[in-house]
Amino acid sequence: MTEEFGLRQAQADGVRTLILDRPHRKNALTLDLWRALRAALHDIDHDPTVRAVVLTGAGDTFCAGADVVDSDPYAAPFGKLRAITEVALHLHDLSVPTIAKVRGVAVGAGWNLALGCDMVVATPQARFAQIFARRGLSLDCGGSWLLPKLVGLQQAKRLALLAEMIDAAEAHALGLVTWIRAEAEIDAFVEDLARRLACGPPVALAHTKALLNEGADQTLREALANESRAQAVNFATTDVPEAYAAFARKRDASFTGDWNVRRPDEREPADNGAASTPSI
C-alpha cells in the first residue's frame, strides 16, 4: 500500500482502491490531495493490470469537500481549479469500471467525486449535499454536468441552489446511489462487486462505458454507428470466442482482452465451412 499527500492506494486481484486519508479533516480535499488523486487516476489509465477501481474515504466519512480551513480565500484559485477539472475528467474517462463506497458525509466536490464514479454504494447513515452555495460558491468537479443527467434539471437546481443535506434513502430514490448496504455489509458487498467487474471482458466493458457516457449527447444514428464500430473491435479480441466456449462447456469465462488478429503468414487456410464464432 502506498500513501501520498493524504491518498492511500492498494491493489489486489485487479482492483485498485483509492482511499482519501485525512480523517482528522473528514477527508477534505487540499490542493496536494487533488494533485495526488490526479496522478493516481493517470497511472490507473496506463496500467493494464487495473481492471476496476474503488474510491472511498478513511474512517467514518467519505469526503467533506474542499478543505476551507487549509485554503487561503485570497489566493488565486486557478491552480486548484485546474487540478479539480483534471481529476473530474480523468475519473469520467477511465476505461475501467469505478465504484464509490460512501460512509458518512459526501458533500460538495466530495459528492461530485462519488457521482463521477460508475456506481455508488452507501450505508444507510450516509448523507449528501451540494454544499457550494453555503460557501458562496457555484458547482465544481463536474456537478453542473452530472446532476441534470442523473436527476433532471429541476431536481438538480433544487439540490444545488438550496444546498440541502439529503439522506441515503432519498439519494437512492433520486438515482444518485446505486445500492444501500448496512455498515456491517458494505465492505464485503463492494469487494464482491469490484471482483465481478474486474473479471469482466475489459475491452467490451471499456466500450460499453464509453458508449453509455457519450450516448446521451448523440442521436440514435450516431449511437448505433458507434456501437457497430465498438462491436467490431470486440470481435477482434480473444474474449468473444472464450465467452462462447465457456457457455458451451458450462464454465466461467476467463477474460483477458487480448488481441486475436493473426499475421497473414500465421492464418489457417479457409475451409469454406461455417464461421467458428456465431453472430449475435
C-alpha atoms as a PDB file:
ATOM      1  CA  MET A   1       0.000   0.000   0.000  1.00  0.00           C
ATOM      2  CA  THR A   2       1.316   3.454  -0.918  1.00  0.00           C
ATOM      3  CA  GLU A   3       0.437   6.864   0.536  1.00  0.00           C
ATOM      4  CA  GLU A   4       0.988  10.406  -0.709  1.00  0.00           C
ATOM      5  CA  PHE A   5      -0.498  13.700   0.487  1.00  0.00           C
ATOM      6  CA  GLY A   6      -3.445  12.013   2.161  1.00  0.00           C
ATOM      7  CA  LEU A   7      -4.155   9.457  -0.566  1.00  0.00           C
ATOM      8  CA  ARG A   8      -3.639   5.760   0.145  1.00  0.00           C
ATOM      9  CA  GLN A   9      -3.645   3.169  -2.626  1.00  0.00           C
ATOM     10  CA  ALA A  10      -3.825  -0.603  -2.607  1.00  0.00           C
ATOM     11  CA  GLN A  11      -4.339  -3.207  -5.313  1.00  0.00           C
ATOM     12  CA  ALA A  12      -5.442  -6.838  -5.236  1.00  0.00           C
ATOM     13  CA  ASP A  13      -6.913  -9.124  -7.907  1.00  0.00           C
ATOM     14  CA  GLY A  14      -7.066  -6.346 -10.491  1.00  0.00           C
ATOM     15  CA  VAL A  15      -8.919  -3.901  -8.197  1.00  0.00           C
ATOM     16  CA  ARG A  16      -7.204  -0.614  -7.309  1.00  0.00           C
ATOM     17  CA  THR A  17      -8.560   1.016  -4.154  1.00  0.00           C
ATOM     18  CA  LEU A  18      -8.081   4.758  -3.643  1.00  0.00           C
ATOM     19  CA  ILE A  19      -8.614   5.940  -0.061  1.00  0.00           C
ATOM     20  CA  LEU A  20      -8.923   9.629   0.791  1.00  0.00           C
ATOM     21  CA  ASP A  21      -6.985   9.538   4.055  1.00  0.00           C
ATOM     22  CA  ARG A  22      -7.363  12.741   6.074  1.00  0.00           C
ATOM     23  CA  PRO A  23      -9.835  11.527   8.708  1.00  0.00           C
ATOM     24  CA  HIS A  24      -8.901  14.342  11.101  1.00  0.00           C
ATOM     25  CA  ARG A  25     -10.387  16.735   8.493  1.00  0.00           C
ATOM     26  CA  LYS A  26     -13.187  14.386   7.335  1.00  0.00           C
ATOM     27  CA  ASN A  27     -11.049  13.604   4.259  1.00  0.00           C
ATOM     28  CA  ALA A  28     -11.425  17.173   2.989  1.00  0.00           C
ATOM     29  CA  LEU A  29      -9.505  17.857  -0.194  1.00  0.00           C
ATOM     30  CA  THR A  30      -6.376  20.026  -0.257  1.00  0.00           C
ATOM     31  CA  LEU A  31      -4.519  21.053  -3.409  1.00  0.00           C
ATOM     32  CA  ASP A  32      -1.876  18.407  -2.680  1.00  0.00           C
ATOM     33  CA  LEU A  33      -4.570  15.747  -2.349  1.00  0.00           C
ATOM     34  CA  TRP A  34      -6.210  16.851  -5.611  1.00  0.00           C
ATOM     35  CA  ARG A  35      -2.833  16.529  -7.320  1.00  0.00           C
ATOM     36  CA  ALA A  36      -2.172  13.105  -5.790  1.00  0.00           C
ATOM     37  CA  LEU A  37      -5.603  11.932  -6.929  1.00  0.00           C
ATOM     38  CA  ARG A  38      -4.947  13.281 -10.426  1.00  0.00           C
ATOM     39  CA  ALA A  39      -1.632  11.394 -10.588  1.00  0.00           C
ATOM     40  CA  ALA A  40      -3.256   8.186  -9.315  1.00  0.00           C
ATOM     41  CA  LEU A  41      -6.013   8.308 -11.939  1.00  0.00           C
ATOM     42  CA  HIS A  42      -3.460   8.991 -14.676  1.00  0.00           C
ATOM     43  CA  ASP A  43      -1.451   5.972 -13.512  1.00  0.00           C
ATOM     44  CA  ILE A  44      -4.559   3.765 -13.472  1.00  0.00           C
ATOM     45  CA  ASP A  45      -5.390   4.781 -17.027  1.00  0.00           C
ATOM     46  CA  HIS A  46      -1.995   3.487 -18.178  1.00  0.00           C
ATOM     47  CA  ASP A  47      -1.822   0.340 -16.040  1.00  0.00           C
ATOM     48  CA  PRO A  48      -3.300  -2.733 -17.772  1.00  0.00           C
ATOM     49  CA  THR A  49      -3.292  -4.692 -14.503  1.00  0.00           C
ATOM     50  CA  VAL A  50      -6.072  -2.466 -13.123  1.00  0.00           C
ATOM     51  CA  ARG A  51      -9.493  -3.837 -14.069  1.00  0.00           C
ATOM     52  CA  ALA A  52     -11.716  -1.927 -11.585  1.00  0.00           C
ATOM     53  CA  VAL A  53     -11.401   0.977  -9.152  1.00  0.00           C
ATOM     54  CA  VAL A  54     -12.925   1.609  -5.726  1.00  0.00           C
ATOM     55  CA  LEU A  55     -12.885   5.178  -4.358  1.00  0.00           C
ATOM     56  CA  THR A  56     -13.594   5.628  -0.652  1.00  0.00           C
ATOM     57  CA  GLY A  57     -12.686   7.619   2.432  1.00  0.00           C
ATOM     58  CA  ALA A  58     -10.834   6.673   5.594  1.00  0.00           C
ATOM     59  CA  GLY A  59     -12.719   6.320   8.848  1.00  0.00           C
ATOM     60  CA  ASP A  60     -16.413   7.083   9.030  1.00  0.00           C
ATOM     61  CA  THR A  61     -16.542   9.772   6.300  1.00  0.00           C
ATOM     62  CA  PHE A  62     -16.302   9.714   2.520  1.00  0.00           C
ATOM     63  CA  CYS A  63     -15.293  13.323   1.860  1.00  0.00           C
ATOM     64  CA  ALA A  64     -16.300  16.711   3.279  1.00  0.00           C
ATOM     65  CA  GLY A  65     -15.408  18.536   0.065  1.00  0.00           C
ATOM     66  CA  ALA A  66     -12.653  21.121  -0.188  1.00  0.00           C
ATOM     67  CA  ASP A  67     -10.683  21.902   2.965  1.00  0.00           C
ATOM     68  CA  VAL A  68     -11.703  25.511   3.618  1.00  0.00           C
ATOM     69  CA  VAL A  69      -9.583  25.709   6.782  1.00  0.00           C
ATOM     70  CA  ASP A  70      -6.370  24.936   4.904  1.00  0.00           C
ATOM     71  CA  SER A  71      -7.307  27.178   1.973  1.00  0.00           C
ATOM     72  CA  ASP A  72      -6.419  30.831   1.569  1.00  0.00           C
ATOM     73  CA  PRO A  73      -9.530  32.704   0.321  1.00  0.00           C
ATOM     74  CA  TYR A  74      -7.286  35.472  -1.017  1.00  0.00           C
ATOM     75  CA  ALA A  75      -5.059  33.162  -3.058  1.00  0.00           C
ATOM     76  CA  ALA A  76      -5.599  32.813  -6.814  1.00  0.00           C
ATOM     77  CA  PRO A  77      -7.742  29.677  -7.316  1.00  0.00           C
ATOM     78  CA  PHE A  78      -6.587  28.784 -10.821  1.00  0.00           C
ATOM     79  CA  GLY A  79      -4.123  26.024  -9.906  1.00  0.00           C
ATOM     80  CA  LYS A  80      -6.627  24.297  -7.647  1.00  0.00           C
ATOM     81  CA  LEU A  81      -9.447  24.619 -10.163  1.00  0.00           C
ATOM     82  CA  ARG A  82      -7.248  23.141 -12.873  1.00  0.00           C
ATOM     83  CA  ALA A  83      -6.461  20.145 -10.653  1.00  0.00           C
ATOM     84  CA  ILE A  84     -10.176  19.693  -9.820  1.00  0.00           C
ATOM     85  CA  THR A  85     -11.085  19.853 -13.515  1.00  0.00           C
ATOM     86  CA  GLU A  86      -8.453  17.310 -14.492  1.00  0.00           C
ATOM     87  CA  VAL A  87      -9.490  14.899 -11.720  1.00  0.00           C
ATOM     88  CA  ALA A  88     -13.134  15.067 -12.812  1.00  0.00           C
ATOM     89  CA  LEU A  89     -12.163  14.425 -16.444  1.00  0.00           C
ATOM     90  CA  HIS A  90      -9.765  11.582 -15.593  1.00  0.00           C
ATOM     91  CA  LEU A  91     -12.384   9.902 -13.405  1.00  0.00           C
ATOM     92  CA  HIS A  92     -15.083  10.186 -16.063  1.00  0.00           C
ATOM     93  CA  ASP A  93     -12.821   8.984 -18.874  1.00  0.00           C
ATOM     94  CA  LEU A  94     -11.316   5.955 -17.121  1.00  0.00           C
ATOM     95  CA  SER A  95     -11.903   2.890 -19.278  1.00  0.00           C
ATOM     96  CA  VAL A  96     -12.303   0.616 -16.241  1.00  0.00           C
ATOM     97  CA  PRO A  97     -15.448   0.494 -14.055  1.00  0.00           C
ATOM     98  CA  THR A  98     -15.384   2.665 -10.927  1.00  0.00           C
ATOM     99  CA  ILE A  99     -17.243   2.312  -7.616  1.00  0.00           C
ATOM    100  CA  ALA A 100     -17.673   4.904  -4.876  1.00  0.00           C
ATOM    101  CA  LYS A 101     -18.036   3.403  -1.394  1.00  0.00           C
ATOM    102  CA  VAL A 102     -19.649   6.040   0.814  1.00  0.00           C
ATOM    103  CA  ARG A 103     -19.815   6.178   4.584  1.00  0.00           C
ATOM    104  CA  GLY A 104     -20.804   9.305   6.469  1.00  0.00           C
ATOM    105  CA  VAL A 105     -20.933  12.598   4.586  1.00  0.00           C
ATOM    106  CA  ALA A 106     -20.161  13.218   0.929  1.00  0.00           C
ATOM    107  CA  VAL A 107     -20.591  16.916   0.266  1.00  0.00           C
ATOM    108  CA  GLY A 108     -19.557  19.459  -2.344  1.00  0.00           C
ATOM    109  CA  ALA A 109     -16.711  18.251  -4.517  1.00  0.00           C
ATOM    110  CA  GLY A 110     -16.639  15.101  -2.396  1.00  0.00           C
ATOM    111  CA  TRP A 111     -20.148  14.194  -3.500  1.00  0.00           C
ATOM    112  CA  ASN A 112     -19.334  15.014  -7.113  1.00  0.00           C
ATOM    113  CA  LEU A 113     -16.332  12.691  -6.942  1.00  0.00           C
ATOM    114  CA  ALA A 114     -18.720   9.927  -5.897  1.00  0.00           C
ATOM    115  CA  LEU A 115     -21.182  10.856  -8.649  1.00  0.00           C
ATOM    116  CA  GLY A 116     -18.312  10.742 -11.158  1.00  0.00           C
ATOM    117  CA  CYS A 117     -17.946   7.031 -10.446  1.00  0.00           C
ATOM    118  CA  ASP A 118     -19.986   4.499 -12.411  1.00  0.00           C
ATOM    119  CA  MET A 119     -21.716   3.104  -9.310  1.00  0.00           C
ATOM    120  CA  VAL A 120     -22.259   4.368  -5.766  1.00  0.00           C
ATOM    121  CA  VAL A 121     -22.698   2.110  -2.737  1.00  0.00           C
ATOM    122  CA  ALA A 122     -23.635   3.839   0.525  1.00  0.00           C
ATOM    123  CA  THR A 123     -24.519   2.936   4.078  1.00  0.00           C
ATOM    124  CA  PRO A 124     -27.961   3.945   5.397  1.00  0.00           C
ATOM    125  CA  GLN A 125     -26.263   6.593   7.539  1.00  0.00           C
ATOM    126  CA  ALA A 126     -24.603   8.337   4.569  1.00  0.00           C
ATOM    127  CA  ARG A 127     -25.592  11.951   3.887  1.00  0.00           C
ATOM    128  CA  PHE A 128     -25.097  14.108   0.811  1.00  0.00           C
ATOM    129  CA  ALA A 129     -25.149  17.824  -0.051  1.00  0.00           C
ATOM    130  CA  GLN A 130     -24.157  20.132  -2.881  1.00  0.00           C
ATOM    131  CA  ILE A 131     -22.866  22.483  -0.229  1.00  0.00           C
ATOM    132  CA  PHE A 132     -21.314  25.068  -2.545  1.00  0.00           C
ATOM    133  CA  ALA A 133     -23.982  27.764  -2.109  1.00  0.00           C
ATOM    134  CA  ARG A 134     -23.400  27.771   1.656  1.00  0.00           C
ATOM    135  CA  ARG A 135     -19.776  28.702   0.939  1.00  0.00           C
ATOM    136  CA  GLY A 136     -20.633  31.443  -1.557  1.00  0.00           C
ATOM    137  CA  LEU A 137     -19.590  29.218  -4.443  1.00  0.00           C
ATOM    138  CA  SER A 138     -21.093  27.626  -7.532  1.00  0.00           C
ATOM    139  CA  LEU A 139     -20.781  23.949  -8.506  1.00  0.00           C
ATOM    140  CA  ASP A 140     -17.482  22.375  -9.477  1.00  0.00           C
ATOM    141  CA  CYS A 141     -15.903  18.942 -10.005  1.00  0.00           C
ATOM    142  CA  GLY A 142     -18.457  18.217 -12.733  1.00  0.00           C
ATOM    143  CA  GLY A 143     -21.580  18.739 -10.639  1.00  0.00           C
ATOM    144  CA  SER A 144     -23.282  21.034 -13.152  1.00  0.00           C
ATOM    145  CA  TRP A 145     -22.961  18.330 -15.827  1.00  0.00           C
ATOM    146  CA  LEU A 146     -23.572  15.242 -13.692  1.00  0.00           C
ATOM    147  CA  LEU A 147     -26.612  16.297 -11.674  1.00  0.00           C
ATOM    148  CA  PRO A 148     -29.006  17.183 -14.535  1.00  0.00           C
ATOM    149  CA  LYS A 149     -28.121  13.952 -16.349  1.00  0.00           C
ATOM    150  CA  LEU A 150     -28.787  11.882 -13.243  1.00  0.00           C
ATOM    151  CA  VAL A 151     -31.860  13.559 -11.727  1.00  0.00           C
ATOM    152  CA  GLY A 152     -33.185  16.024 -14.319  1.00  0.00           C
ATOM    153  CA  LEU A 153     -32.926  19.798 -14.388  1.00  0.00           C
ATOM    154  CA  GLN A 154     -35.463  20.695 -11.689  1.00  0.00           C
ATOM    155  CA  GLN A 155     -34.108  18.347  -9.047  1.00  0.00           C
ATOM    156  CA  ALA A 156     -30.552  19.395  -9.951  1.00  0.00           C
ATOM    157  CA  LYS A 157     -31.485  23.031  -9.361  1.00  0.00           C
ATOM    158  CA  ARG A 158     -33.141  22.180  -6.066  1.00  0.00           C
ATOM    159  CA  LEU A 159     -30.078  20.296  -4.799  1.00  0.00           C
ATOM    160  CA  ALA A 160     -27.627  22.953  -5.987  1.00  0.00           C
ATOM    161  CA  LEU A 161     -29.495  26.166  -5.138  1.00  0.00           C
ATOM    162  CA  LEU A 162     -30.772  25.134  -1.713  1.00  0.00           C
ATOM    163  CA  ALA A 163     -27.647  23.127  -0.788  1.00  0.00           C
ATOM    164  CA  GLU A 164     -29.829  20.840   1.343  1.00  0.00           C
ATOM    165  CA  MET A 165     -28.457  17.757   3.068  1.00  0.00           C
ATOM    166  CA  ILE A 166     -30.265  14.593   1.964  1.00  0.00           C
ATOM    167  CA  ASP A 167     -30.001  11.093   3.395  1.00  0.00           C
ATOM    168  CA  ALA A 168     -29.050   7.862   1.647  1.00  0.00           C
ATOM    169  CA  ALA A 169     -32.658   6.779   1.159  1.00  0.00           C
ATOM    170  CA  GLU A 170     -33.553   9.962  -0.719  1.00  0.00           C
ATOM    171  CA  ALA A 171     -30.332   9.845  -2.727  1.00  0.00           C
ATOM    172  CA  HIS A 172     -31.194   6.273  -3.712  1.00  0.00           C
ATOM    173  CA  ALA A 173     -34.741   7.270  -4.678  1.00  0.00           C
ATOM    174  CA  LEU A 174     -33.323  10.041  -6.898  1.00  0.00           C
ATOM    175  CA  GLY A 175     -30.929   7.647  -8.617  1.00  0.00           C
ATOM    176  CA  LEU A 176     -27.817   9.157  -7.023  1.00  0.00           C
ATOM    177  CA  VAL A 177     -26.973   5.998  -5.052  1.00  0.00           C
ATOM    178  CA  THR A 178     -26.966   2.594  -6.762  1.00  0.00           C
ATOM    179  CA  TRP A 179     -27.150   0.397  -3.652  1.00  0.00           C
ATOM    180  CA  ILE A 180     -27.602   0.918   0.077  1.00  0.00           C
ATOM    181  CA  ARG A 181     -25.897  -1.626   2.296  1.00  0.00           C
ATOM    182  CA  ALA A 182     -25.624  -1.863   6.075  1.00  0.00           C
ATOM    183  CA  GLU A 183     -22.388  -0.784   7.721  1.00  0.00           C
ATOM    184  CA  ALA A 184     -21.510  -4.391   8.522  1.00  0.00           C
ATOM    185  CA  GLU A 185     -22.107  -5.476   4.912  1.00  0.00           C
ATOM    186  CA  ILE A 186     -20.778  -2.696   2.711  1.00  0.00           C
ATOM    187  CA  ASP A 187     -17.117  -3.753   2.594  1.00  0.00           C
ATOM    188  CA  ALA A 188     -17.880  -7.322   1.539  1.00  0.00           C
ATOM    189  CA  PHE A 189     -20.518  -6.143  -0.942  1.00  0.00           C
ATOM    190  CA  VAL A 190     -18.161  -3.676  -2.647  1.00  0.00           C
ATOM    191  CA  GLU A 191     -15.319  -6.210  -2.657  1.00  0.00           C
ATOM    192  CA  ASP A 192     -17.518  -8.762  -4.427  1.00  0.00           C
ATOM    193  CA  LEU A 193     -18.883  -6.147  -6.844  1.00  0.00           C
ATOM    194  CA  ALA A 194     -15.393  -4.931  -7.755  1.00  0.00           C
ATOM    195  CA  ARG A 195     -14.178  -8.506  -8.209  1.00  0.00           C
ATOM    196  CA  ARG A 196     -17.053  -9.272 -10.576  1.00  0.00           C
ATOM    197  CA  LEU A 197     -16.291  -6.179 -12.625  1.00  0.00           C
ATOM    198  CA  ALA A 198     -12.568  -6.963 -12.663  1.00  0.00           C
ATOM    199  CA  CYS A 199     -13.353 -10.431 -14.054  1.00  0.00           C
ATOM    200  CA  GLY A 200     -15.373  -8.984 -16.925  1.00  0.00           C
ATOM    201  CA  PRO A 201     -14.149  -8.572 -20.525  1.00  0.00           C
ATOM    202  CA  PRO A 202     -12.001  -5.425 -20.281  1.00  0.00           C
ATOM    203  CA  VAL A 203     -12.282  -4.252 -23.876  1.00  0.00           C
ATOM    204  CA  ALA A 204     -16.044  -4.808 -24.033  1.00  0.00           C
ATOM    205  CA  LEU A 205     -16.616  -3.088 -20.675  1.00  0.00           C
ATOM    206  CA  ALA A 206     -14.474  -0.126 -21.753  1.00  0.00           C
ATOM    207  CA  HIS A 207     -16.516   0.245 -24.949  1.00  0.00           C
ATOM    208  CA  THR A 208     -19.807  -0.144 -23.092  1.00  0.00           C
ATOM    209  CA  LYS A 209     -18.856   2.505 -20.542  1.00  0.00           C
ATOM    210  CA  ALA A 210     -17.802   4.942 -23.276  1.00  0.00           C
ATOM    211  CA  LEU A 211     -20.950   4.275 -25.320  1.00  0.00           C
ATOM    212  CA  LEU A 212     -23.177   4.981 -22.323  1.00  0.00           C
ATOM    213  CA  ASN A 213     -21.238   8.116 -21.347  1.00  0.00           C
ATOM    214  CA  GLU A 214     -21.404   9.512 -24.862  1.00  0.00           C
ATOM    215  CA  GLY A 215     -24.835   8.238 -25.905  1.00  0.00           C
ATOM    216  CA  ALA A 216     -26.867  10.843 -24.022  1.00  0.00           C
ATOM    217  CA  ASP A 217     -25.405  13.603 -26.190  1.00  0.00           C
ATOM    218  CA  GLN A 218     -25.836  11.802 -29.521  1.00  0.00           C
ATOM    219  CA  THR A 219     -28.570  10.996 -31.963  1.00  0.00           C
ATOM    220  CA  LEU A 220     -29.726   7.390 -32.262  1.00  0.00           C
ATOM    221  CA  ARG A 221     -27.992   7.161 -35.638  1.00  0.00           C
ATOM    222  CA  GLU A 222     -24.682   8.278 -34.121  1.00  0.00           C
ATOM    223  CA  ALA A 223     -25.044   5.897 -31.179  1.00  0.00           C
ATOM    224  CA  LEU A 224     -25.784   2.940 -33.472  1.00  0.00           C
ATOM    225  CA  ALA A 225     -22.736   3.741 -35.633  1.00  0.00           C
ATOM    226  CA  ASN A 226     -20.515   3.900 -32.547  1.00  0.00           C
ATOM    227  CA  GLU A 227     -21.965   0.612 -31.269  1.00  0.00           C
ATOM    228  CA  SER A 228     -21.106  -1.087 -34.565  1.00  0.00           C
ATOM    229  CA  ARG A 229     -17.534   0.178 -34.501  1.00  0.00           C
ATOM    230  CA  ALA A 230     -17.083  -0.928 -30.902  1.00  0.00           C
ATOM    231  CA  GLN A 231     -18.558  -4.355 -31.582  1.00  0.00           C
ATOM    232  CA  ALA A 232     -16.137  -4.916 -34.454  1.00  0.00           C
ATOM    233  CA  VAL A 233     -13.230  -4.305 -32.068  1.00  0.00           C
ATOM    234  CA  ASN A 234     -14.735  -6.696 -29.506  1.00  0.00           C
ATOM    235  CA  PHE A 235     -14.874  -9.469 -32.103  1.00  0.00           C
ATOM    236  CA  ALA A 236     -11.151  -8.970 -32.715  1.00  0.00           C
ATOM    237  CA  THR A 237     -10.313  -9.968 -29.118  1.00  0.00           C
ATOM    238  CA  THR A 238      -9.973 -13.421 -27.596  1.00  0.00           C
ATOM    239  CA  ASP A 239     -12.853 -12.651 -25.224  1.00  0.00           C
ATOM    240  CA  VAL A 240     -15.674 -13.368 -27.686  1.00  0.00           C
ATOM    241  CA  PRO A 241     -14.609 -16.927 -28.597  1.00  0.00           C
ATOM    242  CA  GLU A 242     -13.749 -17.502 -24.930  1.00  0.00           C
ATOM    243  CA  ALA A 243     -17.270 -16.429 -23.922  1.00  0.00           C
ATOM    244  CA  TYR A 244     -18.878 -18.778 -26.446  1.00  0.00           C
ATOM    245  CA  ALA A 245     -16.615 -21.666 -25.392  1.00  0.00           C
ATOM    246  CA  ALA A 246     -17.382 -21.073 -21.718  1.00  0.00           C
ATOM    247  CA  PHE A 247     -21.111 -21.004 -22.444  1.00  0.00           C
ATOM    248  CA  ALA A 248     -20.942 -24.219 -24.465  1.00  0.00           C
ATOM    249  CA  ARG A 249     -18.923 -26.005 -21.773  1.00  0.00           C
ATOM    250  CA  LYS A 250     -20.916 -24.580 -18.860  1.00  0.00           C
ATOM    251  CA  ARG A 251     -17.930 -22.956 -17.127  1.00  0.00           C
ATOM    252  CA  ASP A 252     -16.945 -19.435 -16.128  1.00  0.00           C
ATOM    253  CA  ALA A 253     -15.211 -17.414 -18.813  1.00  0.00           C
ATOM    254  CA  SER A 254     -11.678 -16.110 -18.296  1.00  0.00           C
ATOM    255  CA  PHE A 255     -11.441 -12.720 -19.996  1.00  0.00           C
ATOM    256  CA  THR A 256      -8.129 -11.040 -20.862  1.00  0.00           C
ATOM    257  CA  GLY A 257      -8.908  -8.501 -23.577  1.00  0.00           C
ATOM    258  CA  ASP A 258      -6.045  -9.902 -25.675  1.00  0.00           C
ATOM    259  CA  TRP A 259      -5.963  -9.113 -29.383  1.00  0.00           C
ATOM    260  CA  ASN A 260      -6.958 -12.054 -31.580  1.00  0.00           C
ATOM    261  CA  VAL A 261      -5.778 -10.916 -35.007  1.00  0.00           C
ATOM    262  CA  ARG A 262      -3.018 -13.018 -36.542  1.00  0.00           C
ATOM    263  CA  ARG A 263      -0.408 -12.073 -39.093  1.00  0.00           C
ATOM    264  CA  PRO A 264      -1.152 -13.168 -42.690  1.00  0.00           C
ATOM    265  CA  ASP A 265       1.560 -15.884 -42.549  1.00  0.00           C
ATOM    266  CA  GLU A 266       0.005 -17.279 -39.357  1.00  0.00           C
ATOM    267  CA  ARG A 267      -3.535 -17.664 -40.691  1.00  0.00           C
ATOM    268  CA  GLU A 268      -5.003 -21.055 -41.454  1.00  0.00           C
ATOM    269  CA  PRO A 269      -6.395 -21.688 -44.959  1.00  0.00           C
ATOM    270  CA  ALA A 270     -10.113 -21.043 -45.324  1.00  0.00           C
ATOM    271  CA  ASP A 271     -12.143 -24.271 -45.084  1.00  0.00           C
ATOM    272  CA  ASN A 272     -15.308 -22.910 -46.747  1.00  0.00           C
ATOM    273  CA  GLY A 273     -17.238 -24.071 -43.667  1.00  0.00           C
ATOM    274  CA  ALA A 274     -19.344 -22.124 -41.240  1.00  0.00           C
ATOM    275  CA  ALA A 275     -17.676 -19.435 -39.183  1.00  0.00           C
ATOM    276  CA  SER A 276     -16.354 -20.723 -35.869  1.00  0.00           C
ATOM    277  CA  THR A 277     -17.748 -17.758 -33.979  1.00  0.00           C
ATOM    278  CA  PRO A 278     -21.532 -17.317 -34.273  1.00  0.00           C
ATOM    279  CA  SER A 279     -23.018 -13.903 -34.846  1.00  0.00           C
ATOM    280  CA  ILE A 280     -25.119 -12.127 -32.262  1.00  0.00           C
END
